Amino acid sequence: MSSILIKSDSKESDILLFQLAKVMKMPITVVNEHEEDDLFFIKAMDEGMQSGEAQEKELKKFFKKYGIKIH
């Protein structure tokens, strides 16, 4: 099973995407911006764990956004 994250910028697009998913009998999960950031952070951490080095730029951006200071 795989997941696709699609960002929509209008209510009309949301409705169309929901209708399409319903016709295709696919489950839908709506996430807010904070949850989306968390998902990308987790993905960056997973990639870093597999490769041996985290994507430093993405991690710093995430920490800065939430006011976490790195020493």
PDB file of N, CA and C in Angstrom:
ATOM      1  N   MET A   1       0.849  -1.175   0.000  1.00  0.00           N
ATOM      2  CA  MET A   1       0.000   0.000   0.000  1.00  0.00           C
ATOM      3  C   MET A   1       0.895   1.238   0.000  1.00  0.00           C
ATOM      4  N   SER A   2       0.479   2.247  -0.701  1.00  0.00           N
ATOM      5  CA  SER A   2       1.226   3.494  -0.715  1.00  0.00           C
ATOM      6  C   SER A   2       0.278   4.649  -0.442  1.00  0.00           C
ATOM      7  N   SER A   3       0.862   5.800  -0.149  1.00  0.00           N
ATOM      8  CA  SER A   3       0.075   6.996   0.128  1.00  0.00           C
ATOM      9  C   SER A   3       0.545   8.121  -0.770  1.00  0.00           C
ATOM     10  N   ILE A   4      -0.371   9.010  -1.076  1.00  0.00           N
ATOM     11  CA  ILE A   4      -0.065  10.181  -1.893  1.00  0.00           C
ATOM     12  C   ILE A   4      -0.556  11.406  -1.143  1.00  0.00           C
ATOM     13  N   LEU A   5       0.294  12.401  -1.033  1.00  0.00           N
ATOM     14  CA  LEU A   5      -0.086  13.654  -0.394  1.00  0.00           C
ATOM     15  C   LEU A   5      -0.273  14.690  -1.492  1.00  0.00           C
ATOM     16  N   ILE A   6      -1.480  15.230  -1.589  1.00  0.00           N
ATOM     17  CA  ILE A   6      -1.801  16.222  -2.612  1.00  0.00           C
ATOM     18  C   ILE A   6      -2.221  17.503  -1.916  1.00  0.00           C
ATOM     19  N   LYS A   7      -1.558  18.623  -2.269  1.00  0.00           N
ATOM     20  CA  LYS A   7      -1.923  19.915  -1.698  1.00  0.00           C
ATOM     21  C   LYS A   7      -2.914  20.597  -2.629  1.00  0.00           C
ATOM     22  N   SER A   8      -4.013  21.020  -2.058  1.00  0.00           N
ATOM     23  CA  SER A   8      -5.047  21.691  -2.831  1.00  0.00           C
ATOM     24  C   SER A   8      -5.141  23.139  -2.383  1.00  0.00           C
ATOM     25  N   ASP A   9      -5.433  24.015  -3.324  1.00  0.00           N
ATOM     26  CA  ASP A   9      -5.514  25.434  -2.978  1.00  0.00           C
ATOM     27  C   ASP A   9      -6.921  26.007  -3.097  1.00  0.00           C
ATOM     28  N   SER A  10      -7.907  25.123  -3.340  1.00  0.00           N
ATOM     29  CA  SER A  10      -9.273  25.626  -3.443  1.00  0.00           C
ATOM     30  C   SER A  10     -10.270  24.574  -2.971  1.00  0.00           C
ATOM     31  N   LYS A  11     -11.417  25.050  -2.535  1.00  0.00           N
ATOM     32  CA  LYS A  11     -12.488  24.164  -2.082  1.00  0.00           C
ATOM     33  C   LYS A  11     -12.993  23.300  -3.238  1.00  0.00           C
ATOM     34  N   GLU A  12     -13.037  23.883  -4.444  1.00  0.00           N
ATOM     35  CA  GLU A  12     -13.499  23.143  -5.616  1.00  0.00           C
ATOM     36  C   GLU A  12     -12.581  21.955  -5.912  1.00  0.00           C
ATOM     37  N   SER A  13     -11.277  22.183  -5.801  1.00  0.00           N
ATOM     38  CA  SER A  13     -10.318  21.093  -6.017  1.00  0.00           C
ATOM     39  C   SER A  13     -10.473  20.024  -4.950  1.00  0.00           C
ATOM     40  N   ASP A  14     -10.707  20.457  -3.704  1.00  0.00           N
ATOM     41  CA  ASP A  14     -10.919  19.501  -2.609  1.00  0.00           C
ATOM     42  C   ASP A  14     -12.102  18.589  -2.930  1.00  0.00           C
ATOM     43  N   ILE A  15     -13.201  19.191  -3.337  1.00  0.00           N
ATOM     44  CA  ILE A  15     -14.417  18.428  -3.630  1.00  0.00           C
ATOM     45  C   ILE A  15     -14.164  17.434  -4.761  1.00  0.00           C
ATOM     46  N   LEU A  16     -13.499  17.887  -5.816  1.00  0.00           N
ATOM     47  CA  LEU A  16     -13.203  17.008  -6.951  1.00  0.00           C
ATOM     48  C   LEU A  16     -12.325  15.829  -6.520  1.00  0.00           C
ATOM     49  N   LEU A  17     -11.297  16.099  -5.736  1.00  0.00           N
ATOM     50  CA  LEU A  17     -10.409  15.035  -5.265  1.00  0.00           C
ATOM     51  C   LEU A  17     -11.143  14.054  -4.353  1.00  0.00           C
ATOM     52  N   PHE A  18     -12.007  14.571  -3.474  1.00  0.00           N
ATOM     53  CA  PHE A  18     -12.798  13.702  -2.605  1.00  0.00           C
ATOM     54  C   PHE A  18     -13.725  12.813  -3.428  1.00  0.00           C
ATOM     55  N   GLN A  19     -14.370  13.391  -4.443  1.00  0.00           N
ATOM     56  CA  GLN A  19     -15.273  12.617  -5.289  1.00  0.00           C
ATOM     57  C   GLN A  19     -14.519  11.525  -6.038  1.00  0.00           C
ATOM     58  N   LEU A  20     -13.361  11.859  -6.567  1.00  0.00           N
ATOM     59  CA  LEU A  20     -12.542  10.882  -7.284  1.00  0.00           C
ATOM     60  C   LEU A  20     -12.131   9.731  -6.362  1.00  0.00           C
ATOM     61  N   ALA A  21     -11.672  10.066  -5.171  1.00  0.00           N
ATOM     62  CA  ALA A  21     -11.275   9.025  -4.211  1.00  0.00           C
ATOM     63  C   ALA A  21     -12.463   8.138  -3.849  1.00  0.00           C
ATOM     64  N   LYS A  22     -13.635   8.741  -3.693  1.00  0.00           N
ATOM     65  CA  LYS A  22     -14.838   7.978  -3.365  1.00  0.00           C
ATOM     66  C   LYS A  22     -15.188   7.000  -4.481  1.00  0.00           C
ATOM     67  N   VAL A  23     -15.147   7.478  -5.740  1.00  0.00           N
ATOM     68  CA  VAL A  23     -15.443   6.619  -6.889  1.00  0.00           C
ATOM     69  C   VAL A  23     -14.450   5.459  -6.948  1.00  0.00           C
ATOM     70  N   MET A  24     -13.182   5.742  -6.628  1.00  0.00           N
ATOM     71  CA  MET A  24     -12.135   4.714  -6.672  1.00  0.00           C
ATOM     72  C   MET A  24     -12.100   3.871  -5.398  1.00  0.00           C
ATOM     73  N   LYS A  25     -13.005   4.163  -4.452  1.00  0.00           N
ATOM     74  CA  LYS A  25     -13.098   3.446  -3.170  1.00  0.00           C
ATOM     75  C   LYS A  25     -11.773   3.472  -2.420  1.00  0.00           C
ATOM     76  N   MET A  26     -11.179   4.677  -2.375  1.00  0.00           N
ATOM     77  CA  MET A  26      -9.912   4.878  -1.673  1.00  0.00           C
ATOM     78  C   MET A  26     -10.173   5.665  -0.389  1.00  0.00           C
ATOM     79  N   PRO A  27      -9.526   5.274   0.700  1.00  0.00           N
ATOM     80  CA  PRO A  27      -9.704   6.030   1.941  1.00  0.00           C
ATOM     81  C   PRO A  27      -9.043   7.407   1.834  1.00  0.00           C
ATOM     82  N   ILE A  28      -9.601   8.372   2.556  1.00  0.00           N
ATOM     83  CA  ILE A  28      -9.091   9.743   2.537  1.00  0.00           C
ATOM     84  C   ILE A  28      -8.726  10.151   3.955  1.00  0.00           C
ATOM     85  N   THR A  29      -7.582  10.777   4.097  1.00  0.00           N
ATOM     86  CA  THR A  29      -7.180  11.370   5.364  1.00  0.00           C
ATOM     87  C   THR A  29      -6.764  12.802   5.081  1.00  0.00           C
ATOM     88  N   VAL A  30      -7.357  13.733   5.788  1.00  0.00           N
ATOM     89  CA  VAL A  30      -7.020  15.142   5.627  1.00  0.00           C
ATOM     90  C   VAL A  30      -6.047  15.521   6.742  1.00  0.00           C
ATOM     91  N   VAL A  31      -4.945  16.179   6.377  1.00  0.00           N
ATOM     92  CA  VAL A  31      -3.962  16.612   7.370  1.00  0.00           C
ATOM     93  C   VAL A  31      -3.820  18.124   7.321  1.00  0.00           C
ATOM     94  N   ASN A  32      -3.541  18.704   8.478  1.00  0.00           N
ATOM     95  CA  ASN A  32      -3.305  20.151   8.509  1.00  0.00           C
ATOM     96  C   ASN A  32      -1.826  20.418   8.246  1.00  0.00           C
ATOM     97  N   GLU A  33      -1.436  21.688   8.185  1.00  0.00           N
ATOM     98  CA  GLU A  33      -0.052  22.038   7.850  1.00  0.00           C
ATOM     99  C   GLU A  33       0.940  21.496   8.871  1.00  0.00           C
ATOM    100  N   HIS A  34       0.577  21.511  10.140  1.00  0.00           N
ATOM    101  CA  HIS A  34       1.471  21.010  11.189  1.00  0.00           C
ATOM    102  C   HIS A  34       1.714  19.510  10.998  1.00  0.00           C
ATOM    103  N   GLU A  35       0.648  18.757  10.723  1.00  0.00           N
ATOM    104  CA  GLU A  35       0.787  17.323  10.503  1.00  0.00           C
ATOM    105  C   GLU A  35       1.599  17.041   9.243  1.00  0.00           C
ATOM    106  N   GLU A  36       1.412  17.864   8.215  1.00  0.00           N
ATOM    107  CA  GLU A  36       2.176  17.707   6.977  1.00  0.00           C
ATOM    108  C   GLU A  36       3.671  17.911   7.251  1.00  0.00           C
ATOM    109  N   ASP A  37       3.998  18.947   8.024  1.00  0.00           N
ATOM    110  CA  ASP A  37       5.397  19.193   8.385  1.00  0.00           C
ATOM    111  C   ASP A  37       5.976  18.003   9.136  1.00  0.00           C
ATOM    112  N   ASP A  38       5.192  17.449  10.048  1.00  0.00           N
ATOM    113  CA  ASP A  38       5.639  16.287  10.811  1.00  0.00           C
ATOM    114  C   ASP A  38       5.934  15.106   9.888  1.00  0.00           C
ATOM    115  N   LEU A  39       5.071  14.899   8.892  1.00  0.00           N
ATOM    116  CA  LEU A  39       5.280  13.794   7.955  1.00  0.00           C
ATOM    117  C   LEU A  39       6.580  13.962   7.174  1.00  0.00           C
ATOM    118  N   PHE A  40       6.843  15.178   6.707  1.00  0.00           N
ATOM    119  CA  PHE A  40       8.078  15.418   5.963  1.00  0.00           C
ATOM    120  C   PHE A  40       9.304  15.298   6.867  1.00  0.00           C
ATOM    121  N   PHE A  41       9.165  15.716   8.119  1.00  0.00           N
ATOM    122  CA  PHE A  41      10.268  15.583   9.072  1.00  0.00           C
ATOM    123  C   PHE A  41      10.578  14.099   9.315  1.00  0.00           C
ATOM    124  N   ILE A  42       9.546  13.312   9.509  1.00  0.00           N
ATOM    125  CA  ILE A  42       9.730  11.875   9.731  1.00  0.00           C
ATOM    126  C   ILE A  42      10.376  11.235   8.502  1.00  0.00           C
ATOM    127  N   LYS A  43       9.931  11.629   7.317  1.00  0.00           N
ATOM    128  CA  LYS A  43      10.521  11.095   6.076  1.00  0.00           C
ATOM    129  C   LYS A  43      12.005  11.453   5.991  1.00  0.00           C
ATOM    130  N   ALA A  44      12.350  12.698   6.314  1.00  0.00           N
ATOM    131  CA  ALA A  44      13.755  13.118   6.279  1.00  0.00           C
ATOM    132  C   ALA A  44      14.581  12.327   7.291  1.00  0.00           C
ATOM    133  N   MET A  45      14.021  12.093   8.463  1.00  0.00           N
ATOM    134  CA  MET A  45      14.736  11.312   9.486  1.00  0.00           C
ATOM    135  C   MET A  45      14.941   9.876   9.019  1.00  0.00           C
ATOM    136  N   ASP A  46      13.900   9.272   8.421  1.00  0.00           N
ATOM    137  CA  ASP A  46      14.020   7.902   7.913  1.00  0.00           C
ATOM    138  C   ASP A  46      15.103   7.808   6.843  1.00  0.00           C
ATOM    139  N   GLU A  47      15.108   8.774   5.918  1.00  0.00           N
ATOM    140  CA  GLU A  47      16.128   8.777   4.873  1.00  0.00           C
ATOM    141  C   GLU A  47      17.515   8.950   5.469  1.00  0.00           C
ATOM    142  N   GLY A  48      17.608   9.805   6.481  1.00  0.00           N
ATOM    143  CA  GLY A  48      18.888  10.008   7.150  1.00  0.00           C
ATOM    144  C   GLY A  48      19.367   8.760   7.859  1.00  0.00           C
ATOM    145  N   MET A  49      18.447   8.040   8.470  1.00  0.00           N
ATOM    146  CA  MET A  49      18.813   6.800   9.165  1.00  0.00           C
ATOM    147  C   MET A  49      19.304   5.756   8.168  1.00  0.00           C
ATOM    148  N   GLN A  50      18.682   5.697   6.999  1.00  0.00           N
ATOM    149  CA  GLN A  50      19.068   4.715   5.996  1.00  0.00           C
ATOM    150  C   GLN A  50      20.392   5.065   5.324  1.00  0.00           C
ATOM    151  N   SER A  51      20.615   6.353   5.073  1.00  0.00           N
ATOM    152  CA  SER A  51      21.819   6.770   4.357  1.00  0.00           C
ATOM    153  C   SER A  51      22.987   7.050   5.301  1.00  0.00           C
ATOM    154  N   GLY A  52      22.668   7.228   6.589  1.00  0.00           N
ATOM    155  CA  GLY A  52      23.723   7.539   7.545  1.00  0.00           C
ATOM    156  C   GLY A  52      23.873   9.028   7.792  1.00  0.00           C
ATOM    157  N   GLU A  53      23.192   9.848   7.015  1.00  0.00           N
ATOM    158  CA  GLU A  53      23.239  11.286   7.261  1.00  0.00           C
ATOM    159  C   GLU A  53      21.874  11.907   6.990  1.00  0.00           C
ATOM    160  N   ALA A  54      21.420  12.701   7.916  1.00  0.00           N
ATOM    161  CA  ALA A  54      20.114  13.352   7.775  1.00  0.00           C
ATOM    162  C   ALA A  54      20.238  14.533   6.831  1.00  0.00           C
ATOM    163  N   GLN A  55      19.139  14.937   6.258  1.00  0.00           N
ATOM    164  CA  GLN A  55      19.133  16.109   5.397  1.00  0.00           C
ATOM    165  C   GLN A  55      19.141  17.331   6.306  1.00  0.00           C
ATOM    166  N   GLU A  56      20.338  17.827   6.559  1.00  0.00           N
ATOM    167  CA  GLU A  56      20.548  18.890   7.539  1.00  0.00           C
ATOM    168  C   GLU A  56      19.698  20.120   7.278  1.00  0.00           C
ATOM    169  N   LYS A  57      19.585  20.532   6.036  1.00  0.00           N
ATOM    170  CA  LYS A  57      18.816  21.727   5.694  1.00  0.00           C
ATOM    171  C   LYS A  57      17.358  21.577   6.113  1.00  0.00           C
ATOM    172  N   GLU A  58      16.755  20.439   5.811  1.00  0.00           N
ATOM    173  CA  GLU A  58      15.359  20.195   6.162  1.00  0.00           C
ATOM    174  C   GLU A  58      15.166  20.123   7.673  1.00  0.00           C
ATOM    175  N   LEU A  59      16.088  19.473   8.360  1.00  0.00           N
ATOM    176  CA  LEU A  59      15.978  19.369   9.813  1.00  0.00           C
ATOM    177  C   LEU A  59      16.091  20.746  10.469  1.00  0.00           C
ATOM    178  N   LYS A  60      17.041  21.570  10.021  1.00  0.00           N
ATOM    179  CA  LYS A  60      17.185  22.917  10.573  1.00  0.00           C
ATOM    180  C   LYS A  60      15.937  23.752  10.327  1.00  0.00           C
ATOM    181  N   LYS A  61      15.362  23.623   9.135  1.00  0.00           N
ATOM    182  CA  LYS A  61      14.143  24.366   8.790  1.00  0.00           C
ATOM    183  C   LYS A  61      13.003  23.969   9.725  1.00  0.00           C
ATOM    184  N   PHE A  62      12.855  22.678   9.979  1.00  0.00           N
ATOM    185  CA  PHE A  62      11.806  22.192  10.867  1.00  0.00           C
ATOM    186  C   PHE A  62      12.011  22.711  12.289  1.00  0.00           C
ATOM    187  N   PHE A  63      13.228  22.587  12.793  1.00  0.00           N
ATOM    188  CA  PHE A  63      13.514  23.039  14.158  1.00  0.00           C
ATOM    189  C   PHE A  63      13.283  24.539  14.297  1.00  0.00           C
ATOM    190  N   LYS A  64      13.715  25.306  13.310  1.00  0.00           N
ATOM    191  CA  LYS A  64      13.544  26.763  13.355  1.00  0.00           C
ATOM    192  C   LYS A  64      12.069  27.137  13.372  1.00  0.00           C
ATOM    193  N   LYS A  65      11.277  26.453  12.560  1.00  0.00           N
ATOM    194  CA  LYS A  65       9.847  26.740  12.473  1.00  0.00           C
ATOM    195  C   LYS A  65       9.154  26.595  13.827  1.00  0.00           C
ATOM    196  N   TYR A  66       9.593  25.605  14.609  1.00  0.00           N
ATOM    197  CA  TYR A  66       8.954  25.351  15.903  1.00  0.00           C
ATOM    198  C   TYR A  66       9.751  25.905  17.081  1.00  0.00           C
ATOM    199  N   GLY A  67      10.716  26.771  16.783  1.00  0.00           N
ATOM    200  CA  GLY A  67      11.452  27.468  17.842  1.00  0.00           C
ATOM    201  C   GLY A  67      12.398  26.589  18.632  1.00  0.00           C
ATOM    202  N   ILE A  68      12.869  25.510  18.021  1.00  0.00           N
ATOM    203  CA  ILE A  68      13.805  24.612  18.690  1.00  0.00           C
ATOM    204  C   ILE A  68      15.212  25.049  18.328  1.00  0.00           C
ATOM    205  N   LYS A  69      16.018  25.366  19.346  1.00  0.00           N
ATOM    206  CA  LYS A  69      17.398  25.808  19.111  1.00  0.00           C
ATOM    207  C   LYS A  69      18.344  24.620  19.130  1.00  0.00           C
ATOM    208  N   ILE A  70      19.233  24.595  18.150  1.00  0.00           N
ATOM    209  CA  ILE A  70      20.221  23.542  18.045  1.00  0.00           C
ATOM    210  C   ILE A  70      21.571  24.102  18.480  1.00  0.00           C
ATOM    211  N   HIS A  71      22.214  23.418  19.381  1.00  0.00           N
ATOM    212  CA  HIS A  71      23.524  23.878  19.868  1.00  0.00           C
ATOM    213  C   HIS A  71      24.628  23.017  19.319  1.00  0.00           C
TER     214      HIS A  71
END
